[in-house]
Amino acid sequence: MIGWLYILKSDAGRYYIGSTNDKERRIKQHKSGHTRTTRVLKTYELVYTEEFDTIDEARAREKKLKSYKSKKYIEWLISKSASSSMDRATPF
Protein backbone atom coordinates (compact mmCIF):
# COMPACT_ATOMS: atom_id res chain seq x y z
CA MET A 1 0.00 0.00 0.00
CA ILE A 2 1.32 3.44 -0.93
CA GLY A 3 2.21 5.96 1.78
CA TRP A 4 2.53 9.73 1.85
CA LEU A 5 4.41 12.18 4.02
CA TYR A 6 2.93 15.67 3.90
CA ILE A 7 3.60 19.07 5.40
CA LEU A 8 0.95 21.71 5.97
CA LYS A 9 1.76 25.37 6.66
CA SER A 10 -0.55 27.69 8.60
CA ASP A 11 -1.13 31.37 7.90
CA ALA A 12 0.85 32.01 11.09
CA GLY A 13 3.89 30.18 9.66
CA ARG A 14 3.56 26.99 11.72
CA TYR A 15 4.07 23.57 10.17
CA TYR A 16 2.21 20.30 10.62
CA ILE A 17 3.93 17.08 9.51
CA GLY A 18 1.86 13.98 8.93
CA SER A 19 1.68 10.70 7.05
CA THR A 20 -1.18 8.81 5.49
CA ASN A 21 -2.11 6.14 2.98
CA ASP A 22 -4.86 8.35 1.48
CA LYS A 23 -3.72 11.94 0.96
CA GLU A 24 -7.05 13.34 -0.25
CA ARG A 25 -9.02 11.81 2.65
CA ARG A 26 -6.50 13.08 5.20
CA ILE A 27 -6.56 16.64 3.83
CA LYS A 28 -10.37 16.59 4.02
CA GLN A 29 -10.10 15.47 7.65
CA HIS A 30 -7.82 18.40 8.42
CA LYS A 31 -10.23 20.78 6.67
CA SER A 32 -13.19 19.48 8.65
CA GLY A 33 -11.45 19.87 12.03
CA HIS A 34 -10.82 16.16 12.61
CA THR A 35 -7.28 16.83 13.86
CA ARG A 36 -7.01 18.90 17.05
CA THR A 37 -3.72 20.59 16.10
CA THR A 38 -4.91 21.86 12.74
CA ARG A 39 -8.42 22.64 14.04
CA VAL A 40 -6.94 25.18 16.47
CA LEU A 41 -4.71 26.83 13.87
CA LYS A 42 -7.46 26.95 11.22
CA THR A 43 -6.13 27.80 7.75
CA TYR A 44 -3.42 25.62 6.23
CA GLU A 45 -2.01 24.92 2.81
CA LEU A 46 -0.36 21.76 1.59
CA VAL A 47 3.24 22.79 0.89
CA TYR A 48 5.13 19.50 0.59
CA THR A 49 4.61 15.80 -0.10
CA GLU A 50 6.76 12.70 -0.47
CA GLU A 51 5.48 9.40 -1.84
CA PHE A 52 6.62 6.03 -0.45
CA ASP A 53 5.99 2.42 -1.38
CA THR A 54 4.44 1.72 2.05
CA ILE A 55 2.74 3.62 4.85
CA ASP A 56 5.41 2.29 7.23
CA GLU A 57 8.11 4.06 5.22
CA ALA A 58 6.09 7.29 5.26
CA ARG A 59 5.60 7.05 9.03
CA ALA A 60 9.32 6.44 9.57
CA ARG A 61 10.10 9.55 7.51
CA GLU A 62 7.52 11.55 9.51
CA LYS A 63 9.13 10.43 12.76
CA LYS A 64 12.58 11.37 11.47
CA LEU A 65 11.51 14.86 10.37
CA LYS A 66 9.74 15.49 13.68
CA SER A 67 12.85 14.41 15.58
CA TYR A 68 14.83 17.23 13.96
CA LYS A 69 12.56 19.84 15.61
CA SER A 70 13.88 22.33 13.07
CA LYS A 71 11.71 24.87 11.28
CA LYS A 72 14.76 25.87 9.24
CA TYR A 73 15.22 22.30 7.98
CA ILE A 74 11.54 22.03 7.05
CA GLU A 75 11.71 25.33 5.15
CA TRP A 76 14.89 24.18 3.39
CA LEU A 77 13.20 20.91 2.41
CA ILE A 78 10.17 22.76 1.03
CA SER A 79 12.29 25.26 -0.89
CA LYS A 80 14.46 22.45 -2.28
CA SER A 81 11.36 20.83 -3.75
CA ALA A 82 10.01 24.08 -5.25
CA SER A 83 11.33 23.19 -8.70
CA SER A 84 10.07 19.60 -8.58
CA SER A 85 6.68 18.36 -9.77
CA MET A 86 5.38 17.55 -6.27
CA ASP A 87 1.91 18.45 -5.08
CA ARG A 88 2.47 21.95 -3.68
CA ALA A 89 0.61 24.97 -2.44
CA THR A 90 -2.89 23.50 -2.38
CA PRO A 91 -4.77 25.99 -0.15
CA PHE A 92 -7.65 25.17 2.16
PDB file of N, CA and C in Angstrom:
ATOM      1  N   MET A   1       0.844  -1.181   0.000  1.00  0.00           N
ATOM      2  CA  MET A   1       0.000   0.000   0.000  1.00  0.00           C
ATOM      3  C   MET A   1       0.890   1.246   0.000  1.00  0.00           C
ATOM      4  N   ILE A   2       0.546   2.202  -0.811  1.00  0.00           N
ATOM      5  CA  ILE A   2       1.322   3.437  -0.928  1.00  0.00           C
ATOM      6  C   ILE A   2       1.199   4.284   0.350  1.00  0.00           C
ATOM      7  N   GLY A   3       2.220   5.070   0.623  1.00  0.00           N
ATOM      8  CA  GLY A   3       2.214   5.960   1.778  1.00  0.00           C
ATOM      9  C   GLY A   3       2.654   7.353   1.376  1.00  0.00           C
ATOM     10  N   TRP A   4       2.200   8.333   2.115  1.00  0.00           N
ATOM     11  CA  TRP A   4       2.531   9.729   1.849  1.00  0.00           C
ATOM     12  C   TRP A   4       3.009  10.413   3.120  1.00  0.00           C
ATOM     13  N   LEU A   5       4.029  11.220   2.994  1.00  0.00           N
ATOM     14  CA  LEU A   5       4.414  12.177   4.021  1.00  0.00           C
ATOM     15  C   LEU A   5       3.932  13.516   3.486  1.00  0.00           C
ATOM     16  N   TYR A   6       3.379  14.355   4.348  1.00  0.00           N
ATOM     17  CA  TYR A   6       2.929  15.670   3.896  1.00  0.00           C
ATOM     18  C   TYR A   6       3.233  16.712   4.956  1.00  0.00           C
ATOM     19  N   ILE A   7       3.387  17.949   4.497  1.00  0.00           N
ATOM     20  CA  ILE A   7       3.605  19.067   5.399  1.00  0.00           C
ATOM     21  C   ILE A   7       2.591  20.144   5.055  1.00  0.00           C
ATOM     22  N   LEU A   8       1.889  20.611   6.091  1.00  0.00           N
ATOM     23  CA  LEU A   8       0.952  21.714   5.965  1.00  0.00           C
ATOM     24  C   LEU A   8       1.587  22.947   6.607  1.00  0.00           C
ATOM     25  N   LYS A   9       1.272  24.112   6.085  1.00  0.00           N
ATOM     26  CA  LYS A   9       1.757  25.366   6.664  1.00  0.00           C
ATOM     27  C   LYS A   9       0.562  26.256   6.980  1.00  0.00           C
ATOM     28  N   SER A  10       0.542  26.802   8.196  1.00  0.00           N
ATOM     29  CA  SER A  10      -0.548  27.686   8.596  1.00  0.00           C
ATOM     30  C   SER A  10      -0.265  29.110   8.163  1.00  0.00           C
ATOM     31  N   ASP A  11      -1.296  29.943   8.193  1.00  0.00           N
ATOM     32  CA  ASP A  11      -1.133  31.367   7.901  1.00  0.00           C
ATOM     33  C   ASP A  11      -0.149  32.015   8.867  1.00  0.00           C
ATOM     34  N   ALA A  12      -0.051  31.473  10.064  1.00  0.00           N
ATOM     35  CA  ALA A  12       0.847  32.015  11.085  1.00  0.00           C
ATOM     36  C   ALA A  12       2.286  31.520  10.921  1.00  0.00           C
ATOM     37  N   GLY A  13       2.530  30.670   9.913  1.00  0.00           N
ATOM     38  CA  GLY A  13       3.888  30.181   9.661  1.00  0.00           C
ATOM     39  C   GLY A  13       4.269  28.922  10.412  1.00  0.00           C
ATOM     40  N   ARG A  14       3.290  28.252  11.029  1.00  0.00           N
ATOM     41  CA  ARG A  14       3.563  26.992  11.723  1.00  0.00           C
ATOM     42  C   ARG A  14       3.379  25.829  10.766  1.00  0.00           C
ATOM     43  N   TYR A  15       4.121  24.749  11.034  1.00  0.00           N
ATOM     44  CA  TYR A  15       4.072  23.570  10.172  1.00  0.00           C
ATOM     45  C   TYR A  15       3.453  22.388  10.894  1.00  0.00           C
ATOM     46  N   TYR A  16       2.765  21.562  10.129  1.00  0.00           N
ATOM     47  CA  TYR A  16       2.214  20.296  10.623  1.00  0.00           C
ATOM     48  C   TYR A  16       2.751  19.213   9.704  1.00  0.00           C
ATOM     49  N   ILE A  17       3.389  18.203  10.278  1.00  0.00           N
ATOM     50  CA  ILE A  17       3.933  17.084   9.511  1.00  0.00           C
ATOM     51  C   ILE A  17       3.087  15.858   9.810  1.00  0.00           C
ATOM     52  N   GLY A  18       2.664  15.170   8.752  1.00  0.00           N
ATOM     53  CA  GLY A  18       1.859  13.980   8.934  1.00  0.00           C
ATOM     54  C   GLY A  18       2.158  12.942   7.867  1.00  0.00           C
ATOM     55  N   SER A  19       1.565  11.772   8.049  1.00  0.00           N
ATOM     56  CA  SER A  19       1.683  10.701   7.053  1.00  0.00           C
ATOM     57  C   SER A  19       0.337  10.010   6.927  1.00  0.00           C
ATOM     58  N   THR A  20       0.111   9.431   5.765  1.00  0.00           N
ATOM     59  CA  THR A  20      -1.175   8.808   5.493  1.00  0.00           C
ATOM     60  C   THR A  20      -1.050   7.841   4.321  1.00  0.00           C
ATOM     61  N   ASN A  21      -2.050   6.994   4.166  1.00  0.00           N
ATOM     62  CA  ASN A  21      -2.113   6.144   2.979  1.00  0.00           C
ATOM     63  C   ASN A  21      -3.144   6.669   1.986  1.00  0.00           C
ATOM     64  N   ASP A  22      -3.856   7.743   2.357  1.00  0.00           N
ATOM     65  CA  ASP A  22      -4.857   8.351   1.482  1.00  0.00           C
ATOM     66  C   ASP A  22      -4.784   9.864   1.662  1.00  0.00           C
ATOM     67  N   LYS A  23      -4.008  10.507   0.819  1.00  0.00           N
ATOM     68  CA  LYS A  23      -3.720  11.936   0.963  1.00  0.00           C
ATOM     69  C   LYS A  23      -4.996  12.784   0.890  1.00  0.00           C
ATOM     70  N   GLU A  24      -5.853  12.536  -0.083  1.00  0.00           N
ATOM     71  CA  GLU A  24      -7.050  13.344  -0.249  1.00  0.00           C
ATOM     72  C   GLU A  24      -7.967  13.240   0.973  1.00  0.00           C
ATOM     73  N   ARG A  25      -8.176  12.013   1.471  1.00  0.00           N
ATOM     74  CA  ARG A  25      -9.024  11.813   2.653  1.00  0.00           C
ATOM     75  C   ARG A  25      -8.450  12.556   3.852  1.00  0.00           C
ATOM     76  N   ARG A  26      -7.139  12.462   4.035  1.00  0.00           N
ATOM     77  CA  ARG A  26      -6.504  13.080   5.200  1.00  0.00           C
ATOM     78  C   ARG A  26      -6.602  14.599   5.148  1.00  0.00           C
ATOM     79  N   ILE A  27      -6.427  15.188   3.974  1.00  0.00           N
ATOM     80  CA  ILE A  27      -6.559  16.635   3.834  1.00  0.00           C
ATOM     81  C   ILE A  27      -7.989  17.065   4.151  1.00  0.00           C
ATOM     82  N   LYS A  28      -8.971  16.298   3.689  1.00  0.00           N
ATOM     83  CA  LYS A  28     -10.375  16.589   4.018  1.00  0.00           C
ATOM     84  C   LYS A  28     -10.602  16.529   5.525  1.00  0.00           C
ATOM     85  N   GLN A  29      -9.967  15.564   6.201  1.00  0.00           N
ATOM     86  CA  GLN A  29     -10.101  15.472   7.651  1.00  0.00           C
ATOM     87  C   GLN A  29      -9.529  16.713   8.331  1.00  0.00           C
ATOM     88  N   HIS A  30      -8.385  17.182   7.858  1.00  0.00           N
ATOM     89  CA  HIS A  30      -7.817  18.404   8.425  1.00  0.00           C
ATOM     90  C   HIS A  30      -8.765  19.583   8.205  1.00  0.00           C
ATOM     91  N   LYS A  31      -9.309  19.682   6.999  1.00  0.00           N
ATOM     92  CA  LYS A  31     -10.228  20.775   6.674  1.00  0.00           C
ATOM     93  C   LYS A  31     -11.463  20.774   7.560  1.00  0.00           C
ATOM     94  N   SER A  32     -11.954  19.590   7.874  1.00  0.00           N
ATOM     95  CA  SER A  32     -13.192  19.475   8.648  1.00  0.00           C
ATOM     96  C   SER A  32     -12.964  19.560  10.156  1.00  0.00           C
ATOM     97  N   GLY A  33     -11.720  19.736  10.597  1.00  0.00           N
ATOM     98  CA  GLY A  33     -11.445  19.873  12.025  1.00  0.00           C
ATOM     99  C   GLY A  33     -11.252  18.558  12.746  1.00  0.00           C
ATOM    100  N   HIS A  34     -11.008  17.487  12.015  1.00  0.00           N
ATOM    101  CA  HIS A  34     -10.824  16.164  12.613  1.00  0.00           C
ATOM    102  C   HIS A  34      -9.564  16.086  13.486  1.00  0.00           C
ATOM    103  N   THR A  35      -8.548  16.862  13.128  1.00  0.00           N
ATOM    104  CA  THR A  35      -7.277  16.832  13.855  1.00  0.00           C
ATOM    105  C   THR A  35      -7.185  18.054  14.757  1.00  0.00           C
ATOM    106  N   ARG A  36      -7.009  17.827  16.057  1.00  0.00           N
ATOM    107  CA  ARG A  36      -7.014  18.903  17.045  1.00  0.00           C
ATOM    108  C   ARG A  36      -5.991  19.992  16.715  1.00  0.00           C
ATOM    109  N   THR A  37      -4.785  19.612  16.364  1.00  0.00           N
ATOM    110  CA  THR A  37      -3.723  20.585  16.100  1.00  0.00           C
ATOM    111  C   THR A  37      -4.093  21.526  14.965  1.00  0.00           C
ATOM    112  N   THR A  38      -4.575  20.997  13.871  1.00  0.00           N
ATOM    113  CA  THR A  38      -4.910  21.855  12.743  1.00  0.00           C
ATOM    114  C   THR A  38      -6.260  22.542  12.938  1.00  0.00           C
ATOM    115  N   ARG A  39      -7.135  21.998  13.759  1.00  0.00           N
ATOM    116  CA  ARG A  39      -8.424  22.642  14.039  1.00  0.00           C
ATOM    117  C   ARG A  39      -8.190  23.959  14.773  1.00  0.00           C
ATOM    118  N   VAL A  40      -7.243  23.976  15.695  1.00  0.00           N
ATOM    119  CA  VAL A  40      -6.944  25.178  16.473  1.00  0.00           C
ATOM    120  C   VAL A  40      -6.309  26.260  15.597  1.00  0.00           C
ATOM    121  N   LEU A  41      -5.450  25.867  14.676  1.00  0.00           N
ATOM    122  CA  LEU A  41      -4.714  26.833  13.868  1.00  0.00           C
ATOM    123  C   LEU A  41      -5.424  27.201  12.576  1.00  0.00           C
ATOM    124  N   LYS A  42      -6.553  26.619  12.317  1.00  0.00           N
ATOM    125  CA  LYS A  42      -7.461  26.954  11.225  1.00  0.00           C
ATOM    126  C   LYS A  42      -6.903  26.772   9.812  1.00  0.00           C
ATOM    127  N   THR A  43      -6.430  27.819   9.172  1.00  0.00           N
ATOM    128  CA  THR A  43      -6.133  27.797   7.747  1.00  0.00           C
ATOM    129  C   THR A  43      -4.731  27.279   7.453  1.00  0.00           C
ATOM    130  N   TYR A  44      -4.676  26.253   6.637  1.00  0.00           N
ATOM    131  CA  TYR A  44      -3.419  25.621   6.232  1.00  0.00           C
ATOM    132  C   TYR A  44      -3.367  25.501   4.725  1.00  0.00           C
ATOM    133  N   GLU A  45      -2.161  25.322   4.206  1.00  0.00           N
ATOM    134  CA  GLU A  45      -2.015  24.921   2.814  1.00  0.00           C
ATOM    135  C   GLU A  45      -1.034  23.760   2.763  1.00  0.00           C
ATOM    136  N   LEU A  46      -1.256  22.879   1.817  1.00  0.00           N
ATOM    137  CA  LEU A  46      -0.360  21.756   1.591  1.00  0.00           C
ATOM    138  C   LEU A  46       0.858  22.300   0.856  1.00  0.00           C
ATOM    139  N   VAL A  47       2.039  22.199   1.491  1.00  0.00           N
ATOM    140  CA  VAL A  47       3.244  22.792   0.893  1.00  0.00           C
ATOM    141  C   VAL A  47       4.291  21.765   0.490  1.00  0.00           C
ATOM    142  N   TYR A  48       4.104  20.490   0.888  1.00  0.00           N
ATOM    143  CA  TYR A  48       5.132  19.497   0.585  1.00  0.00           C
ATOM    144  C   TYR A  48       4.563  18.096   0.705  1.00  0.00           C
ATOM    145  N   THR A  49       4.956  17.214  -0.206  1.00  0.00           N
ATOM    146  CA  THR A  49       4.612  15.801  -0.098  1.00  0.00           C
ATOM    147  C   THR A  49       5.784  14.942  -0.548  1.00  0.00           C
ATOM    148  N   GLU A  50       5.840  13.747  -0.004  1.00  0.00           N
ATOM    149  CA  GLU A  50       6.762  12.702  -0.467  1.00  0.00           C
ATOM    150  C   GLU A  50       5.955  11.425  -0.577  1.00  0.00           C
ATOM    151  N   GLU A  51       6.178  10.667  -1.626  1.00  0.00           N
ATOM    152  CA  GLU A  51       5.481   9.404  -1.838  1.00  0.00           C
ATOM    153  C   GLU A  51       6.412   8.247  -1.503  1.00  0.00           C
ATOM    154  N   PHE A  52       5.861   7.224  -0.835  1.00  0.00           N
ATOM    155  CA  PHE A  52       6.619   6.033  -0.445  1.00  0.00           C
ATOM    156  C   PHE A  52       5.883   4.781  -0.904  1.00  0.00           C
ATOM    157  N   ASP A  53       6.598   3.688  -0.979  1.00  0.00           N
ATOM    158  CA  ASP A  53       5.990   2.421  -1.376  1.00  0.00           C
ATOM    159  C   ASP A  53       5.023   1.895  -0.323  1.00  0.00           C
ATOM    160  N   THR A  54       5.293   2.204   0.963  1.00  0.00           N
ATOM    161  CA  THR A  54       4.435   1.716   2.047  1.00  0.00           C
ATOM    162  C   THR A  54       4.161   2.830   3.052  1.00  0.00           C
ATOM    163  N   ILE A  55       3.079   2.673   3.798  1.00  0.00           N
ATOM    164  CA  ILE A  55       2.740   3.620   4.851  1.00  0.00           C
ATOM    165  C   ILE A  55       3.788   3.568   5.966  1.00  0.00           C
ATOM    166  N   ASP A  56       4.375   2.407   6.201  1.00  0.00           N
ATOM    167  CA  ASP A  56       5.410   2.295   7.232  1.00  0.00           C
ATOM    168  C   ASP A  56       6.627   3.158   6.907  1.00  0.00           C
ATOM    169  N   GLU A  57       6.997   3.208   5.636  1.00  0.00           N
ATOM    170  CA  GLU A  57       8.115   4.064   5.219  1.00  0.00           C
ATOM    171  C   GLU A  57       7.763   5.544   5.414  1.00  0.00           C
ATOM    172  N   ALA A  58       6.532   5.906   5.086  1.00  0.00           N
ATOM    173  CA  ALA A  58       6.089   7.289   5.261  1.00  0.00           C
ATOM    174  C   ALA A  58       6.082   7.667   6.735  1.00  0.00           C
ATOM    175  N   ARG A  59       5.629   6.774   7.587  1.00  0.00           N
ATOM    176  CA  ARG A  59       5.604   7.048   9.035  1.00  0.00           C
ATOM    177  C   ARG A  59       7.008   7.165   9.610  1.00  0.00           C
ATOM    178  N   ALA A  60       7.921   6.352   9.112  1.00  0.00           N
ATOM    179  CA  ALA A  60       9.315   6.437   9.566  1.00  0.00           C
ATOM    180  C   ALA A  60       9.912   7.787   9.167  1.00  0.00           C
ATOM    181  N   ARG A  61       9.611   8.248   7.968  1.00  0.00           N
ATOM    182  CA  ARG A  61      10.098   9.550   7.512  1.00  0.00           C
ATOM    183  C   ARG A  61       9.477  10.677   8.344  1.00  0.00           C
ATOM    184  N   GLU A  62       8.186  10.555   8.659  1.00  0.00           N
ATOM    185  CA  GLU A  62       7.519  11.547   9.510  1.00  0.00           C
ATOM    186  C   GLU A  62       8.213  11.627  10.870  1.00  0.00           C
ATOM    187  N   LYS A  63       8.465  10.476  11.456  1.00  0.00           N
ATOM    188  CA  LYS A  63       9.128  10.432  12.763  1.00  0.00           C
ATOM    189  C   LYS A  63      10.514  11.082  12.702  1.00  0.00           C
ATOM    190  N   LYS A  64      11.243  10.808  11.629  1.00  0.00           N
ATOM    191  CA  LYS A  64      12.582  11.371  11.467  1.00  0.00           C
ATOM    192  C   LYS A  64      12.520  12.895  11.361  1.00  0.00           C
ATOM    193  N   LEU A  65      11.625  13.408  10.517  1.00  0.00           N
ATOM    194  CA  LEU A  65      11.506  14.862  10.373  1.00  0.00           C
ATOM    195  C   LEU A  65      11.103  15.535  11.682  1.00  0.00           C
ATOM    196  N   LYS A  66      10.171  14.922  12.400  1.00  0.00           N
ATOM    197  CA  LYS A  66       9.739  15.494  13.676  1.00  0.00           C
ATOM    198  C   LYS A  66      10.864  15.473  14.708  1.00  0.00           C
ATOM    199  N   SER A  67      11.745  14.496  14.612  1.00  0.00           N
ATOM    200  CA  SER A  67      12.847  14.409  15.579  1.00  0.00           C
ATOM    201  C   SER A  67      13.852  15.547  15.396  1.00  0.00           C
ATOM    202  N   TYR A  68      13.918  16.123  14.203  1.00  0.00           N
ATOM    203  CA  TYR A  68      14.828  17.234  13.963  1.00  0.00           C
ATOM    204  C   TYR A  68      14.409  18.490  14.723  1.00  0.00           C
ATOM    205  N   LYS A  69      13.104  18.663  14.923  1.00  0.00           N
ATOM    206  CA  LYS A  69      12.563  19.839  15.607  1.00  0.00           C
ATOM    207  C   LYS A  69      13.163  21.122  15.048  1.00  0.00           C
ATOM    208  N   SER A  70      13.220  21.204  13.728  1.00  0.00           N
ATOM    209  CA  SER A  70      13.879  22.325  13.075  1.00  0.00           C
ATOM    210  C   SER A  70      12.996  22.937  11.991  1.00  0.00           C
ATOM    211  N   LYS A  71      12.497  24.133  12.269  1.00  0.00           N
ATOM    212  CA  LYS A  71      11.713  24.866  11.282  1.00  0.00           C
ATOM    213  C   LYS A  71      12.581  25.217  10.071  1.00  0.00           C
ATOM    214  N   LYS A  72      13.851  25.532  10.327  1.00  0.00           N
ATOM    215  CA  LYS A  72      14.762  25.875   9.235  1.00  0.00           C
ATOM    216  C   LYS A  72      14.946  24.694   8.283  1.00  0.00           C
ATOM    217  N   TYR A  73      15.065  23.481   8.828  1.00  0.00           N
ATOM    218  CA  TYR A  73      15.217  22.303   7.978  1.00  0.00           C
ATOM    219  C   TYR A  73      13.955  22.084   7.148  1.00  0.00           C
ATOM    220  N   ILE A  74      12.804  22.219   7.765  1.00  0.00           N
ATOM    221  CA  ILE A  74      11.539  22.033   7.046  1.00  0.00           C
ATOM    222  C   ILE A  74      11.439  23.052   5.904  1.00  0.00           C
ATOM    223  N   GLU A  75      11.770  24.299   6.186  1.00  0.00           N
ATOM    224  CA  GLU A  75      11.708  25.327   5.147  1.00  0.00           C
ATOM    225  C   GLU A  75      12.720  25.053   4.035  1.00  0.00           C
ATOM    226  N   TRP A  76      13.900  24.549   4.399  1.00  0.00           N
ATOM    227  CA  TRP A  76      14.888  24.180   3.387  1.00  0.00           C
ATOM    228  C   TRP A  76      14.350  23.052   2.502  1.00  0.00           C
ATOM    229  N   LEU A  77      13.749  22.051   3.133  1.00  0.00           N
ATOM    230  CA  LEU A  77      13.198  20.906   2.406  1.00  0.00           C
ATOM    231  C   LEU A  77      12.117  21.366   1.423  1.00  0.00           C
ATOM    232  N   ILE A  78      11.243  22.243   1.883  1.00  0.00           N
ATOM    233  CA  ILE A  78      10.169  22.760   1.029  1.00  0.00           C
ATOM    234  C   ILE A  78      10.754  23.565  -0.125  1.00  0.00           C
ATOM    235  N   SER A  79      11.712  24.435   0.168  1.00  0.00           N
ATOM    236  CA  SER A  79      12.289  25.263  -0.891  1.00  0.00           C
ATOM    237  C   SER A  79      13.070  24.418  -1.897  1.00  0.00           C
ATOM    238  N   LYS A  80      13.719  23.360  -1.407  1.00  0.00           N
ATOM    239  CA  LYS A  80      14.458  22.453  -2.284  1.00  0.00           C
ATOM    240  C   LYS A  80      13.521  21.782  -3.295  1.00  0.00           C
ATOM    241  N   SER A  81      12.306  21.530  -2.878  1.00  0.00           N
ATOM    242  CA  SER A  81      11.359  20.833  -3.754  1.00  0.00           C
ATOM    243  C   SER A  81      10.577  21.794  -4.648  1.00  0.00           C
ATOM    244  N   ALA A  82      10.794  23.088  -4.498  1.00  0.00           N
ATOM    245  CA  ALA A  82      10.011  24.075  -5.252  1.00  0.00           C
ATOM    246  C   ALA A  82      10.087  23.863  -6.762  1.00  0.00           C
ATOM    247  N   SER A  83      11.199  23.385  -7.252  1.00  0.00           N
ATOM    248  CA  SER A  83      11.327  23.193  -8.698  1.00  0.00           C
ATOM    249  C   SER A  83      10.893  21.802  -9.152  1.00  0.00           C
ATOM    250  N   SER A  84      10.501  20.956  -8.210  1.00  0.00           N
ATOM    251  CA  SER A  84      10.070  19.603  -8.584  1.00  0.00           C
ATOM    252  C   SER A  84       8.591  19.600  -8.961  1.00  0.00           C
ATOM    253  N   SER A  85       8.091  18.467  -9.344  1.00  0.00           N
ATOM    254  CA  SER A  85       6.681  18.363  -9.767  1.00  0.00           C
ATOM    255  C   SER A  85       5.798  17.833  -8.655  1.00  0.00           C
ATOM    256  N   MET A  86       6.186  18.028  -7.393  1.00  0.00           N
ATOM    257  CA  MET A  86       5.376  17.548  -6.266  1.00  0.00           C
ATOM    258  C   MET A  86       4.095  18.359  -6.139  1.00  0.00           C
ATOM    259  N   ASP A  87       3.158  17.792  -5.415  1.00  0.00           N
ATOM    260  CA  ASP A  87       1.905  18.447  -5.076  1.00  0.00           C
ATOM    261  C   ASP A  87       2.225  19.584  -4.118  1.00  0.00           C
ATOM    262  N   ARG A  88       2.085  20.844  -4.540  1.00  0.00           N
ATOM    263  CA  ARG A  88       2.474  21.946  -3.678  1.00  0.00           C
ATOM    264  C   ARG A  88       1.410  23.037  -3.674  1.00  0.00           C
ATOM    265  N   ALA A  89       1.410  23.760  -2.582  1.00  0.00           N
ATOM    266  CA  ALA A  89       0.607  24.967  -2.444  1.00  0.00           C
ATOM    267  C   ALA A  89      -0.862  24.753  -2.801  1.00  0.00           C
ATOM    268  N   THR A  90      -1.479  23.725  -2.227  1.00  0.00           N
ATOM    269  CA  THR A  90      -2.895  23.498  -2.385  1.00  0.00           C
ATOM    270  C   THR A  90      -3.590  24.122  -1.171  1.00  0.00           C
ATOM    271  N   PRO A  91      -4.197  25.300  -1.318  1.00  0.00           N
ATOM    272  CA  PRO A  91      -4.770  25.990  -0.155  1.00  0.00           C
ATOM    273  C   PRO A  91      -6.061  25.350   0.309  1.00  0.00           C
ATOM    274  N   PHE A  92      -6.334  25.500   1.610  1.00  0.00           N
ATOM    275  CA  PHE A  92      -7.651  25.166   2.159  1.00  0.00           C
ATOM    276  C   PHE A  92      -7.885  25.886   3.439  1.00  0.00           C
TER     277      PHE A  92
END
